[in-house]
C-alpha cells in the first residue's frame, strides 16, 4: 500500500510537469528615452531649467547589482540643447551653465503672465510647455526654534501664511547647504549644482482653512543646530500640486528614472516632468543664532 501511494505521487508529479506549458521568451521593445523637465525661479535673479533623459528599466536592475554610476548619470543629462522661454511676444535664450542645467538672468518675472518653454536637442528632439506665474504669497511670520542638548539638538520651524480668498495650493521647501560653514553663502548658492540639500517638502492645501490663516509647526530632524536653513514658500498651481503628490509616493528621484513608469501628471508636450514658474518667498537663517 505504501509503494502504491508513492507510485501515484510520482505519477502525479510527472503528469503535472508534462501539463506545464513551455516557457515563452518575450521580446519587449526598448522604451524610447524621454526628456524630463525640472525648473526653478529665484526671485529677481534667475530662471533655471534642468533636462535629463529617462533610463529604460530593462537596461537597469538594482536587483542584479546594477548601480547608477556617475558616467551613466552624466549620459542622462541633456547637453547642448537650445532652450528658450517666451512671454509677452519676447523670447529669451537660456545659457547652459552646467551639464543639463540652463539658466537665464535676464528674464523678467511677471505675475499672472504665461511663460512658454521650448527645447530642441542636437538629436532633433523637441518639447514645449506653458505655465502661468502665479502671484507671490509671503510668510506672515516665520521663526526657527532650536532646542540644544548633549547629543546635538532639535530644530523646528513655526510659520504663518495669510491665505488669499481664492483656492490655493502651497509648497514649502527646506534646504541646507552641503557644508555647515555659512561663510560666503547667498541665496543662489542653495540652488547651484551639488551645493544644497532639499531636506523636506511640505504640501499645503487651503481647503481646510476657515479663518484665512495657515499656521503650523514643522519638526526638522534632518537639520542640526549648527546648520543654515533656507525656507521657500511657493504659491503653486493645482496641477503642479498633483504632480508633487504623486511623485511624493515614489521612493525617490532614482525610482522615477530607473523603475517601472509612474503615471505622473505633466504639462510638458513631448516629454515628462513639469515646467513650473512659481515665484517663491525665500528666508535664510543661520541656526547658530537661535
C-alpha atoms as a PDB file:
ATOM      1  CA  UNK A   1       0.000   0.000   0.000  1.00  0.00           C
ATOM      2  CA  UNK A   2       2.880   2.339   0.850  1.00  0.00           C
ATOM      3  CA  UNK A   3       4.539   1.696  -2.510  1.00  0.00           C
ATOM      4  CA  UNK A   4       1.233   2.227  -4.332  1.00  0.00           C
ATOM      5  CA  UNK A   5       0.828   5.682  -2.751  1.00  0.00           C
ATOM      6  CA  UNK A   6       4.414   6.544  -3.682  1.00  0.00           C
ATOM      7  CA  UNK A   7       3.803   5.413  -7.261  1.00  0.00           C
ATOM      8  CA  UNK A   8       0.686   7.573  -7.529  1.00  0.00           C
ATOM      9  CA  UNK A   9       2.609  10.558  -6.145  1.00  0.00           C
ATOM     10  CA  UNK A  10       5.394  10.139  -8.699  1.00  0.00           C
ATOM     11  CA  UNK A  11       2.855   9.719 -11.500  1.00  0.00           C
ATOM     12  CA  UNK A  12       1.031  12.884 -10.397  1.00  0.00           C
ATOM     13  CA  UNK A  13       4.256  14.911 -10.412  1.00  0.00           C
ATOM     14  CA  UNK A  14       5.184  13.606 -13.872  1.00  0.00           C
ATOM     15  CA  UNK A  15       1.751  14.494 -15.251  1.00  0.00           C
ATOM     16  CA  UNK A  16       1.853  17.914 -13.585  1.00  0.00           C
ATOM     17  CA  UNK A  17       5.212  18.663 -15.146  1.00  0.00           C
ATOM     18  CA  UNK A  18       4.013  17.425 -18.554  1.00  0.00           C
ATOM     19  CA  UNK A  19       0.980  19.718 -18.419  1.00  0.00           C
ATOM     20  CA  UNK A  20       3.085  22.804 -17.674  1.00  0.00           C
ATOM     21  CA  UNK A  21       3.444  24.905 -20.831  1.00  0.00           C
ATOM     22  CA  UNK A  22       6.893  25.622 -22.171  1.00  0.00           C
ATOM     23  CA  UNK A  23       8.429  28.930 -21.129  1.00  0.00           C
ATOM     24  CA  UNK A  24       7.915  31.660 -23.682  1.00  0.00           C
ATOM     25  CA  UNK A  25      10.596  34.196 -24.446  1.00  0.00           C
ATOM     26  CA  UNK A  26       9.090  37.669 -24.632  1.00  0.00           C
ATOM     27  CA  UNK A  27      10.989  40.236 -26.609  1.00  0.00           C
ATOM     28  CA  UNK A  28       9.958  43.617 -25.253  1.00  0.00           C
ATOM     29  CA  UNK A  29      10.952  46.598 -27.377  1.00  0.00           C
ATOM     30  CA  UNK A  30      13.266  49.101 -25.761  1.00  0.00           C
ATOM     31  CA  UNK A  31      11.277  52.059 -24.451  1.00  0.00           C
ATOM     32  CA  UNK A  32      12.362  55.284 -26.139  1.00  0.00           C
ATOM     33  CA  UNK A  33      14.104  57.717 -23.814  1.00  0.00           C
ATOM     34  CA  UNK A  34      12.124  60.824 -22.948  1.00  0.00           C
ATOM     35  CA  UNK A  35      13.331  64.167 -21.681  1.00  0.00           C
ATOM     36  CA  UNK A  36      12.355  65.078 -18.122  1.00  0.00           C
ATOM     37  CA  UNK A  37      11.993  68.781 -17.286  1.00  0.00           C
ATOM     38  CA  UNK A  38      12.586  70.429 -13.916  1.00  0.00           C
ATOM     39  CA  UNK A  39      12.590  74.185 -13.390  1.00  0.00           C
ATOM     40  CA  UNK A  40      13.185  76.755 -10.663  1.00  0.00           C
ATOM     41  CA  UNK A  41      12.622  80.502 -10.356  1.00  0.00           C
ATOM     42  CA  UNK A  42      14.784  82.510  -7.966  1.00  0.00           C
ATOM     43  CA  UNK A  43      13.050  85.860  -7.362  1.00  0.00           C
ATOM     44  CA  UNK A  44      14.691  88.799  -9.170  1.00  0.00           C
ATOM     45  CA  UNK A  45      17.655  86.584 -10.034  1.00  0.00           C
ATOM     46  CA  UNK A  46      17.319  83.523 -12.261  1.00  0.00           C
ATOM     47  CA  UNK A  47      15.033  81.270 -14.233  1.00  0.00           C
ATOM     48  CA  UNK A  48      16.599  77.814 -14.442  1.00  0.00           C
ATOM     49  CA  UNK A  49      15.690  74.641 -16.317  1.00  0.00           C
ATOM     50  CA  UNK A  50      17.350  71.230 -15.959  1.00  0.00           C
ATOM     51  CA  UNK A  51      16.942  68.477 -18.547  1.00  0.00           C
ATOM     52  CA  UNK A  52      17.693  64.768 -18.361  1.00  0.00           C
ATOM     53  CA  UNK A  53      16.588  61.616 -20.131  1.00  0.00           C
ATOM     54  CA  UNK A  54      14.739  58.656 -18.684  1.00  0.00           C
ATOM     55  CA  UNK A  55      16.559  55.338 -18.290  1.00  0.00           C
ATOM     56  CA  UNK A  56      14.959  52.143 -19.619  1.00  0.00           C
ATOM     57  CA  UNK A  57      14.059  49.872 -16.674  1.00  0.00           C
ATOM     58  CA  UNK A  58      15.023  46.815 -18.761  1.00  0.00           C
ATOM     59  CA  UNK A  59      18.600  48.114 -19.002  1.00  0.00           C
ATOM     60  CA  UNK A  60      18.963  48.874 -15.310  1.00  0.00           C
ATOM     61  CA  UNK A  61      18.206  46.488 -12.454  1.00  0.00           C
ATOM     62  CA  UNK A  62      19.242  47.151  -8.874  1.00  0.00           C
ATOM     63  CA  UNK A  63      18.297  43.538  -8.029  1.00  0.00           C
ATOM     64  CA  UNK A  64      21.007  42.336 -10.438  1.00  0.00           C
ATOM     65  CA  UNK A  65      23.605  44.585  -8.904  1.00  0.00           C
ATOM     66  CA  UNK A  66      23.423  47.473 -11.360  1.00  0.00           C
ATOM     67  CA  UNK A  67      24.326  50.870  -9.991  1.00  0.00           C
ATOM     68  CA  UNK A  68      23.751  54.352 -11.309  1.00  0.00           C
ATOM     69  CA  UNK A  69      27.374  55.359 -11.799  1.00  0.00           C
ATOM     70  CA  UNK A  70      28.455  58.927 -12.413  1.00  0.00           C
ATOM     71  CA  UNK A  71      29.132  58.058 -16.054  1.00  0.00           C
ATOM     72  CA  UNK A  72      25.605  56.691 -16.536  1.00  0.00           C
ATOM     73  CA  UNK A  73      24.143  59.706 -14.758  1.00  0.00           C
ATOM     74  CA  UNK A  74      26.164  62.086 -16.939  1.00  0.00           C
ATOM     75  CA  UNK A  75      24.898  60.338 -20.069  1.00  0.00           C
ATOM     76  CA  UNK A  76      21.329  61.000 -18.951  1.00  0.00           C
ATOM     77  CA  UNK A  77      21.903  64.755 -18.875  1.00  0.00           C
ATOM     78  CA  UNK A  78      20.680  66.632 -21.951  1.00  0.00           C
ATOM     79  CA  UNK A  79      23.514  68.872 -23.139  1.00  0.00           C
ATOM     80  CA  UNK A  80      23.938  71.381 -25.983  1.00  0.00           C
ATOM     81  CA  UNK A  81      20.185  71.900 -26.310  1.00  0.00           C
ATOM     82  CA  UNK A  82      18.563  75.138 -27.467  1.00  0.00           C
ATOM     83  CA  UNK A  83      16.338  76.246 -24.579  1.00  0.00           C
ATOM     84  CA  UNK A  84      14.101  79.309 -24.835  1.00  0.00           C
ATOM     85  CA  UNK A  85      11.397  80.902 -22.715  1.00  0.00           C
ATOM     86  CA  UNK A  86       8.798  83.137 -24.371  1.00  0.00           C
ATOM     87  CA  UNK A  87       6.476  85.720 -22.788  1.00  0.00           C
ATOM     88  CA  UNK A  88       4.785  88.948 -23.939  1.00  0.00           C
ATOM     89  CA  UNK A  89       5.994  88.400 -27.536  1.00  0.00           C
ATOM     90  CA  UNK A  90       9.610  88.228 -26.267  1.00  0.00           C
ATOM     91  CA  UNK A  91      11.854  85.145 -26.438  1.00  0.00           C
ATOM     92  CA  UNK A  92      14.873  84.690 -24.156  1.00  0.00           C
ATOM     93  CA  UNK A  93      17.547  82.053 -24.733  1.00  0.00           C
ATOM     94  CA  UNK A  94      18.829  80.226 -21.662  1.00  0.00           C
ATOM     95  CA  UNK A  95      22.548  79.528 -21.378  1.00  0.00           C
ATOM     96  CA  UNK A  96      23.952  76.115 -20.431  1.00  0.00           C
ATOM     97  CA  UNK A  97      25.754  76.826 -17.169  1.00  0.00           C
ATOM     98  CA  UNK A  98      26.399  73.167 -16.357  1.00  0.00           C
ATOM     99  CA  UNK A  99      25.737  69.790 -17.955  1.00  0.00           C
ATOM    100  CA  UNK A 100      21.979  69.631 -18.479  1.00  0.00           C
ATOM    101  CA  UNK A 101      21.448  72.834 -16.481  1.00  0.00           C
ATOM    102  CA  UNK A 102      20.257  76.016 -18.251  1.00  0.00           C
ATOM    103  CA  UNK A 103      19.672  79.499 -16.838  1.00  0.00           C
ATOM    104  CA  UNK A 104      18.570  82.979 -17.830  1.00  0.00           C
ATOM    105  CA  UNK A 105      19.478  86.054 -15.797  1.00  0.00           C
ATOM    106  CA  UNK A 106      17.508  88.486 -17.929  1.00  0.00           C
ATOM    107  CA  UNK A 107      14.001  87.025 -17.961  1.00  0.00           C
ATOM    108  CA  UNK A 108      11.651  89.345 -16.052  1.00  0.00           C
ATOM    109  CA  UNK A 109       9.173  87.692 -13.741  1.00  0.00           C
ATOM    110  CA  UNK A 110       5.668  88.978 -14.377  1.00  0.00           C
ATOM    111  CA  UNK A 111       2.919  87.577 -12.172  1.00  0.00           C
ATOM    112  CA  UNK A 112      -0.216  86.269 -13.897  1.00  0.00           C
ATOM    113  CA  UNK A 113       1.812  86.022 -17.121  1.00  0.00           C
ATOM    114  CA  UNK A 114       2.083  82.875 -19.260  1.00  0.00           C
ATOM    115  CA  UNK A 115       5.598  81.595 -19.968  1.00  0.00           C
ATOM    116  CA  UNK A 116       6.305  79.046 -22.702  1.00  0.00           C
ATOM    117  CA  UNK A 117       9.346  76.785 -22.620  1.00  0.00           C
ATOM    118  CA  UNK A 118      10.725  75.303 -25.830  1.00  0.00           C
ATOM    119  CA  UNK A 119      13.581  72.783 -26.005  1.00  0.00           C
ATOM    120  CA  UNK A 120      15.292  71.478 -29.141  1.00  0.00           C
ATOM    121  CA  UNK A 121      18.153  68.980 -28.781  1.00  0.00           C
ATOM    122  CA  UNK A 122      21.004  68.342 -31.246  1.00  0.00           C
ATOM    123  CA  UNK A 123      19.379  64.953 -31.919  1.00  0.00           C
ATOM    124  CA  UNK A 124      16.241  66.701 -33.195  1.00  0.00           C
ATOM    125  CA  UNK A 125      14.039  66.070 -30.160  1.00  0.00           C
ATOM    126  CA  UNK A 126      11.695  68.898 -29.211  1.00  0.00           C
ATOM    127  CA  UNK A 127       9.284  69.685 -26.428  1.00  0.00           C
ATOM    128  CA  UNK A 128       7.189  72.599 -25.235  1.00  0.00           C
ATOM    129  CA  UNK A 129       5.431  73.559 -22.007  1.00  0.00           C
ATOM    130  CA  UNK A 130       3.432  76.560 -20.864  1.00  0.00           C
ATOM    131  CA  UNK A 131       2.735  77.695 -17.332  1.00  0.00           C
ATOM    132  CA  UNK A 132       1.447  80.809 -15.616  1.00  0.00           C
ATOM    133  CA  UNK A 133       3.471  82.615 -12.984  1.00  0.00           C
ATOM    134  CA  UNK A 134       1.127  82.952 -10.037  1.00  0.00           C
ATOM    135  CA  UNK A 135       1.320  85.917  -7.623  1.00  0.00           C
ATOM    136  CA  UNK A 136       3.852  85.588  -4.831  1.00  0.00           C
ATOM    137  CA  UNK A 137       2.493  84.628  -1.422  1.00  0.00           C
ATOM    138  CA  UNK A 138       4.650  85.651   1.535  1.00  0.00           C
ATOM    139  CA  UNK A 139       5.028  84.364   5.038  1.00  0.00           C
ATOM    140  CA  UNK A 140       3.156  86.472   7.544  1.00  0.00           C
ATOM    141  CA  UNK A 141       5.695  85.224  10.073  1.00  0.00           C
ATOM    142  CA  UNK A 142       8.356  82.537  10.207  1.00  0.00           C
ATOM    143  CA  UNK A 143      10.633  81.629  13.104  1.00  0.00           C
ATOM    144  CA  UNK A 144      13.065  78.757  13.732  1.00  0.00           C
ATOM    145  CA  UNK A 145      13.219  77.175  17.173  1.00  0.00           C
ATOM    146  CA  UNK A 146      16.377  75.340  18.234  1.00  0.00           C
ATOM    147  CA  UNK A 147      16.435  73.060  21.273  1.00  0.00           C
ATOM    148  CA  UNK A 148      20.024  72.142  22.158  1.00  0.00           C
ATOM    149  CA  UNK A 149      21.010  69.132  24.235  1.00  0.00           C
ATOM    150  CA  UNK A 150      24.036  66.930  24.928  1.00  0.00           C
ATOM    151  CA  UNK A 151      23.630  64.916  21.710  1.00  0.00           C
ATOM    152  CA  UNK A 152      23.036  67.860  19.378  1.00  0.00           C
ATOM    153  CA  UNK A 153      19.515  69.183  19.485  1.00  0.00           C
ATOM    154  CA  UNK A 154      16.244  69.603  17.636  1.00  0.00           C
ATOM    155  CA  UNK A 155      15.154  72.113  15.012  1.00  0.00           C
ATOM    156  CA  UNK A 156      11.599  73.271  14.452  1.00  0.00           C
ATOM    157  CA  UNK A 157      10.102  75.979  12.285  1.00  0.00           C
ATOM    158  CA  UNK A 158       6.937  77.918  13.138  1.00  0.00           C
ATOM    159  CA  UNK A 159       5.148  79.764  10.353  1.00  0.00           C
ATOM    160  CA  UNK A 160       2.037  81.690   9.493  1.00  0.00           C
ATOM    161  CA  UNK A 161       0.688  82.330   5.986  1.00  0.00           C
ATOM    162  CA  UNK A 162      -2.042  84.826   5.156  1.00  0.00           C
ATOM    163  CA  UNK A 163      -4.203  82.843   2.746  1.00  0.00           C
ATOM    164  CA  UNK A 164      -5.873  84.706  -0.143  1.00  0.00           C
ATOM    165  CA  UNK A 165      -9.630  84.255  -0.811  1.00  0.00           C
ATOM    166  CA  UNK A 166      -9.341  82.027  -3.900  1.00  0.00           C
ATOM    167  CA  UNK A 167      -8.495  78.332  -3.701  1.00  0.00           C
ATOM    168  CA  UNK A 168      -4.745  77.908  -3.272  1.00  0.00           C
ATOM    169  CA  UNK A 169      -2.067  75.248  -3.135  1.00  0.00           C
ATOM    170  CA  UNK A 170       1.278  75.882  -1.462  1.00  0.00           C
ATOM    171  CA  UNK A 171       4.670  74.216  -1.375  1.00  0.00           C
ATOM    172  CA  UNK A 172       7.153  74.619   1.478  1.00  0.00           C
ATOM    173  CA  UNK A 173      10.745  73.593   0.725  1.00  0.00           C
ATOM    174  CA  UNK A 174      13.515  73.327   3.301  1.00  0.00           C
ATOM    175  CA  UNK A 175      17.147  73.427   2.130  1.00  0.00           C
ATOM    176  CA  UNK A 176      20.506  73.218   3.817  1.00  0.00           C
ATOM    177  CA  UNK A 177      23.956  73.596   2.222  1.00  0.00           C
ATOM    178  CA  UNK A 178      26.245  70.629   1.800  1.00  0.00           C
ATOM    179  CA  UNK A 179      28.657  72.173   4.316  1.00  0.00           C
ATOM    180  CA  UNK A 180      27.663  73.725   7.627  1.00  0.00           C
ATOM    181  CA  UNK A 181      30.059  76.647   7.133  1.00  0.00           C
ATOM    182  CA  UNK A 182      27.947  79.731   6.398  1.00  0.00           C
ATOM    183  CA  UNK A 183      30.757  81.953   5.157  1.00  0.00           C
ATOM    184  CA  UNK A 184      30.055  83.349   1.720  1.00  0.00           C
ATOM    185  CA  UNK A 185      26.653  81.700   1.370  1.00  0.00           C
ATOM    186  CA  UNK A 186      23.988  83.553  -0.608  1.00  0.00           C
ATOM    187  CA  UNK A 187      20.574  82.502  -1.871  1.00  0.00           C
ATOM    188  CA  UNK A 188      21.828  81.444  -5.285  1.00  0.00           C
ATOM    189  CA  UNK A 189      24.318  79.014  -3.790  1.00  0.00           C
ATOM    190  CA  UNK A 190      21.433  76.934  -2.444  1.00  0.00           C
ATOM    191  CA  UNK A 191      20.242  76.229  -5.975  1.00  0.00           C
ATOM    192  CA  UNK A 192      23.632  75.577  -7.543  1.00  0.00           C
ATOM    193  CA  UNK A 193      24.750  72.090  -8.544  1.00  0.00           C
ATOM    194  CA  UNK A 194      25.837  69.953  -5.589  1.00  0.00           C
ATOM    195  CA  UNK A 195      25.731  72.893  -3.164  1.00  0.00           C
ATOM    196  CA  UNK A 196      22.451  72.224  -1.412  1.00  0.00           C
ATOM    197  CA  UNK A 197      20.261  69.515   0.011  1.00  0.00           C
ATOM    198  CA  UNK A 198      16.481  69.622  -0.159  1.00  0.00           C
ATOM    199  CA  UNK A 199      15.686  68.068   3.197  1.00  0.00           C
ATOM    200  CA  UNK A 200      11.910  68.359   3.190  1.00  0.00           C
ATOM    201  CA  UNK A 201       8.941  69.355   1.033  1.00  0.00           C
ATOM    202  CA  UNK A 202       5.580  70.058   2.634  1.00  0.00           C
ATOM    203  CA  UNK A 203       2.446  70.466   0.508  1.00  0.00           C
ATOM    204  CA  UNK A 204      -0.375  72.607   1.860  1.00  0.00           C
ATOM    205  CA  UNK A 205      -3.944  72.781   0.620  1.00  0.00           C
ATOM    206  CA  UNK A 206      -6.145  75.598   1.924  1.00  0.00           C
ATOM    207  CA  UNK A 207      -9.351  73.531   1.616  1.00  0.00           C
ATOM    208  CA  UNK A 208      -9.450  73.155   5.403  1.00  0.00           C
ATOM    209  CA  UNK A 209      -8.721  76.812   6.165  1.00  0.00           C
ATOM    210  CA  UNK A 210     -11.654  78.686   7.705  1.00  0.00           C
ATOM    211  CA  UNK A 211     -10.103  81.805   9.221  1.00  0.00           C
ATOM    212  CA  UNK A 212      -7.896  82.805   6.270  1.00  0.00           C
ATOM    213  CA  UNK A 213      -4.637  81.936   8.050  1.00  0.00           C
ATOM    214  CA  UNK A 214      -2.311  78.969   7.726  1.00  0.00           C
ATOM    215  CA  UNK A 215      -0.328  78.263  10.895  1.00  0.00           C
ATOM    216  CA  UNK A 216       1.922  75.334  11.610  1.00  0.00           C
ATOM    217  CA  UNK A 217       4.979  73.939  13.361  1.00  0.00           C
ATOM    218  CA  UNK A 218       7.218  71.519  11.463  1.00  0.00           C
ATOM    219  CA  UNK A 219       9.907  69.341  13.060  1.00  0.00           C
ATOM    220  CA  UNK A 220      13.092  69.133  11.003  1.00  0.00           C
ATOM    221  CA  UNK A 221      15.135  66.168  12.304  1.00  0.00           C
ATOM    222  CA  UNK A 222      17.226  66.382   9.122  1.00  0.00           C
ATOM    223  CA  UNK A 223      18.862  69.566  10.477  1.00  0.00           C
ATOM    224  CA  UNK A 224      21.325  70.172  13.272  1.00  0.00           C
ATOM    225  CA  UNK A 225      21.570  73.368  15.377  1.00  0.00           C
ATOM    226  CA  UNK A 226      24.789  74.294  13.551  1.00  0.00           C
ATOM    227  CA  UNK A 227      23.246  74.226  10.061  1.00  0.00           C
ATOM    228  CA  UNK A 228      21.967  77.051   7.948  1.00  0.00           C
ATOM    229  CA  UNK A 229      18.425  76.820   6.632  1.00  0.00           C
ATOM    230  CA  UNK A 230      16.688  78.225   3.587  1.00  0.00           C
ATOM    231  CA  UNK A 231      12.891  78.070   3.593  1.00  0.00           C
ATOM    232  CA  UNK A 232      10.919  78.773   0.428  1.00  0.00           C
ATOM    233  CA  UNK A 233       7.168  79.265   0.186  1.00  0.00           C
ATOM    234  CA  UNK A 234       5.578  78.936  -3.250  1.00  0.00           C
ATOM    235  CA  UNK A 235       2.067  79.537  -4.470  1.00  0.00           C
ATOM    236  CA  UNK A 236       1.651  76.696  -6.990  1.00  0.00           C
ATOM    237  CA  UNK A 237      -0.996  75.523  -9.429  1.00  0.00           C
ATOM    238  CA  UNK A 238      -3.325  72.633  -8.685  1.00  0.00           C
ATOM    239  CA  UNK A 239      -1.748  70.584 -11.500  1.00  0.00           C
ATOM    240  CA  UNK A 240       1.753  71.018 -10.059  1.00  0.00           C
ATOM    241  CA  UNK A 241       0.421  70.180  -6.594  1.00  0.00           C
ATOM    242  CA  UNK A 242      -0.995  66.935  -8.021  1.00  0.00           C
ATOM    243  CA  UNK A 243       2.317  66.221  -9.750  1.00  0.00           C
ATOM    244  CA  UNK A 244       4.191  66.614  -6.449  1.00  0.00           C
ATOM    245  CA  UNK A 245       1.656  64.474  -4.568  1.00  0.00           C
ATOM    246  CA  UNK A 246       2.105  61.579  -6.969  1.00  0.00           C
ATOM    247  CA  UNK A 247       5.885  61.974  -7.041  1.00  0.00           C
ATOM    248  CA  UNK A 248       5.963  62.012  -3.241  1.00  0.00           C
ATOM    249  CA  UNK A 249       4.599  58.470  -3.285  1.00  0.00           C
ATOM    250  CA  UNK A 250       7.574  57.254  -5.300  1.00  0.00           C
ATOM    251  CA  UNK A 251      10.638  56.076  -3.401  1.00  0.00           C
ATOM    252  CA  UNK A 252      12.939  58.806  -4.650  1.00  0.00           C
ATOM    253  CA  UNK A 253      14.139  60.559  -7.769  1.00  0.00           C
ATOM    254  CA  UNK A 254      16.045  57.491  -8.954  1.00  0.00           C
ATOM    255  CA  UNK A 255      12.820  55.486  -8.800  1.00  0.00           C
ATOM    256  CA  UNK A 256      11.334  57.816 -11.390  1.00  0.00           C
ATOM    257  CA  UNK A 257      14.078  57.266 -13.931  1.00  0.00           C
ATOM    258  CA  UNK A 258      15.032  53.648 -13.326  1.00  0.00           C
ATOM    259  CA  UNK A 259      11.909  51.695 -12.387  1.00  0.00           C
ATOM    260  CA  UNK A 260       8.559  50.989 -13.994  1.00  0.00           C
ATOM    261  CA  UNK A 261       6.851  54.084 -15.374  1.00  0.00           C
ATOM    262  CA  UNK A 262       4.837  56.065 -12.874  1.00  0.00           C
ATOM    263  CA  UNK A 263       1.806  57.936 -14.168  1.00  0.00           C
ATOM    264  CA  UNK A 264       2.841  61.451 -13.215  1.00  0.00           C
ATOM    265  CA  UNK A 265       0.836  64.499 -14.267  1.00  0.00           C
ATOM    266  CA  UNK A 266       2.792  66.727 -16.635  1.00  0.00           C
ATOM    267  CA  UNK A 267       2.392  69.973 -18.559  1.00  0.00           C
ATOM    268  CA  UNK A 268       5.197  69.071 -20.977  1.00  0.00           C
ATOM    269  CA  UNK A 269       4.288  68.212 -24.573  1.00  0.00           C
ATOM    270  CA  UNK A 270       6.840  65.796 -25.978  1.00  0.00           C
ATOM    271  CA  UNK A 271       8.438  64.988 -22.623  1.00  0.00           C
ATOM    272  CA  UNK A 272       7.929  64.378 -18.913  1.00  0.00           C
ATOM    273  CA  UNK A 273       8.340  66.311 -15.678  1.00  0.00           C
ATOM    274  CA  UNK A 274       6.866  69.723 -15.056  1.00  0.00           C
ATOM    275  CA  UNK A 275       7.724  73.234 -16.196  1.00  0.00           C
ATOM    276  CA  UNK A 276       6.815  75.330 -13.175  1.00  0.00           C
ATOM    277  CA  UNK A 277       7.136  79.073 -12.787  1.00  0.00           C
ATOM    278  CA  UNK A 278       6.189  79.537  -9.151  1.00  0.00           C
ATOM    279  CA  UNK A 279       7.592  82.662  -7.517  1.00  0.00           C
ATOM    280  CA  UNK A 280       8.907  81.690  -4.051  1.00  0.00           C
ATOM    281  CA  UNK A 281       9.240  83.762  -0.904  1.00  0.00           C
ATOM    282  CA  UNK A 282      12.711  82.943   0.486  1.00  0.00           C
ATOM    283  CA  UNK A 283      14.024  83.181   4.057  1.00  0.00           C
ATOM    284  CA  UNK A 284      17.583  82.316   5.061  1.00  0.00           C
ATOM    285  CA  UNK A 285      18.516  81.508   8.674  1.00  0.00           C
ATOM    286  CA  UNK A 286      21.769  80.815  10.491  1.00  0.00           C
ATOM    287  CA  UNK A 287      20.557  78.378  13.153  1.00  0.00           C
ATOM    288  CA  UNK A 288      23.583  79.224  15.327  1.00  0.00           C
ATOM    289  CA  UNK A 289      21.771  82.484  16.117  1.00  0.00           C
ATOM    290  CA  UNK A 290      18.723  80.782  17.654  1.00  0.00           C
END
